[in-house]
Amino acid sequence: MPQTGHNRPVPGLEGIFVNAGTVMVGSLCVLTLTGATISATAAYGWASLVAAAVQLRHLLRVGSISDGYALVKDSETSTSILTYVLGWASIVASLCLFAGNLIVWREAWPLLAAFSLLLTWGLFLFARLLTQRN
């Protein structure tokens, strides 16, 4: 993975893989648990827990807004503060949907909403990575 001057991976590439991986792991969790004759509400709750764990780890890896500011100032990354804040916000929003689904709803729609948000952000990062000029 390409490295920045701060010994951190390029956020776009890591975000693409983590977001796609979260959707894949959450979907497979639901399929496996419902295939094992566990109730759908329990399967949605467990899938939310697993997906939230992946995203929480990514949030801790991405770091705070001050870490983002240092990343934005690095000329090798060409990351804008708006891109960093929107990425951070997409992680937090998906975590809120996962937590709400785990605690309150236990339905499919919060998972679909969070997965849609993560896939949309991943597609944005992919397009940005393809169109980025060095």
Foldseek 3Di string as FASTA:
>chain_A
DDAFPVRADQVLVVLLVLLVVLLVQLVVQQVVCVVVVDDQLVSLLVSLVVSLVSLVVVLVSLPDLVSVVVVCPGPVRVDHSVLSVVSNVLSVQLNVLSVCSNPPNSDCVSSVVNSVSSNVNSVVSVVCVVPDDD
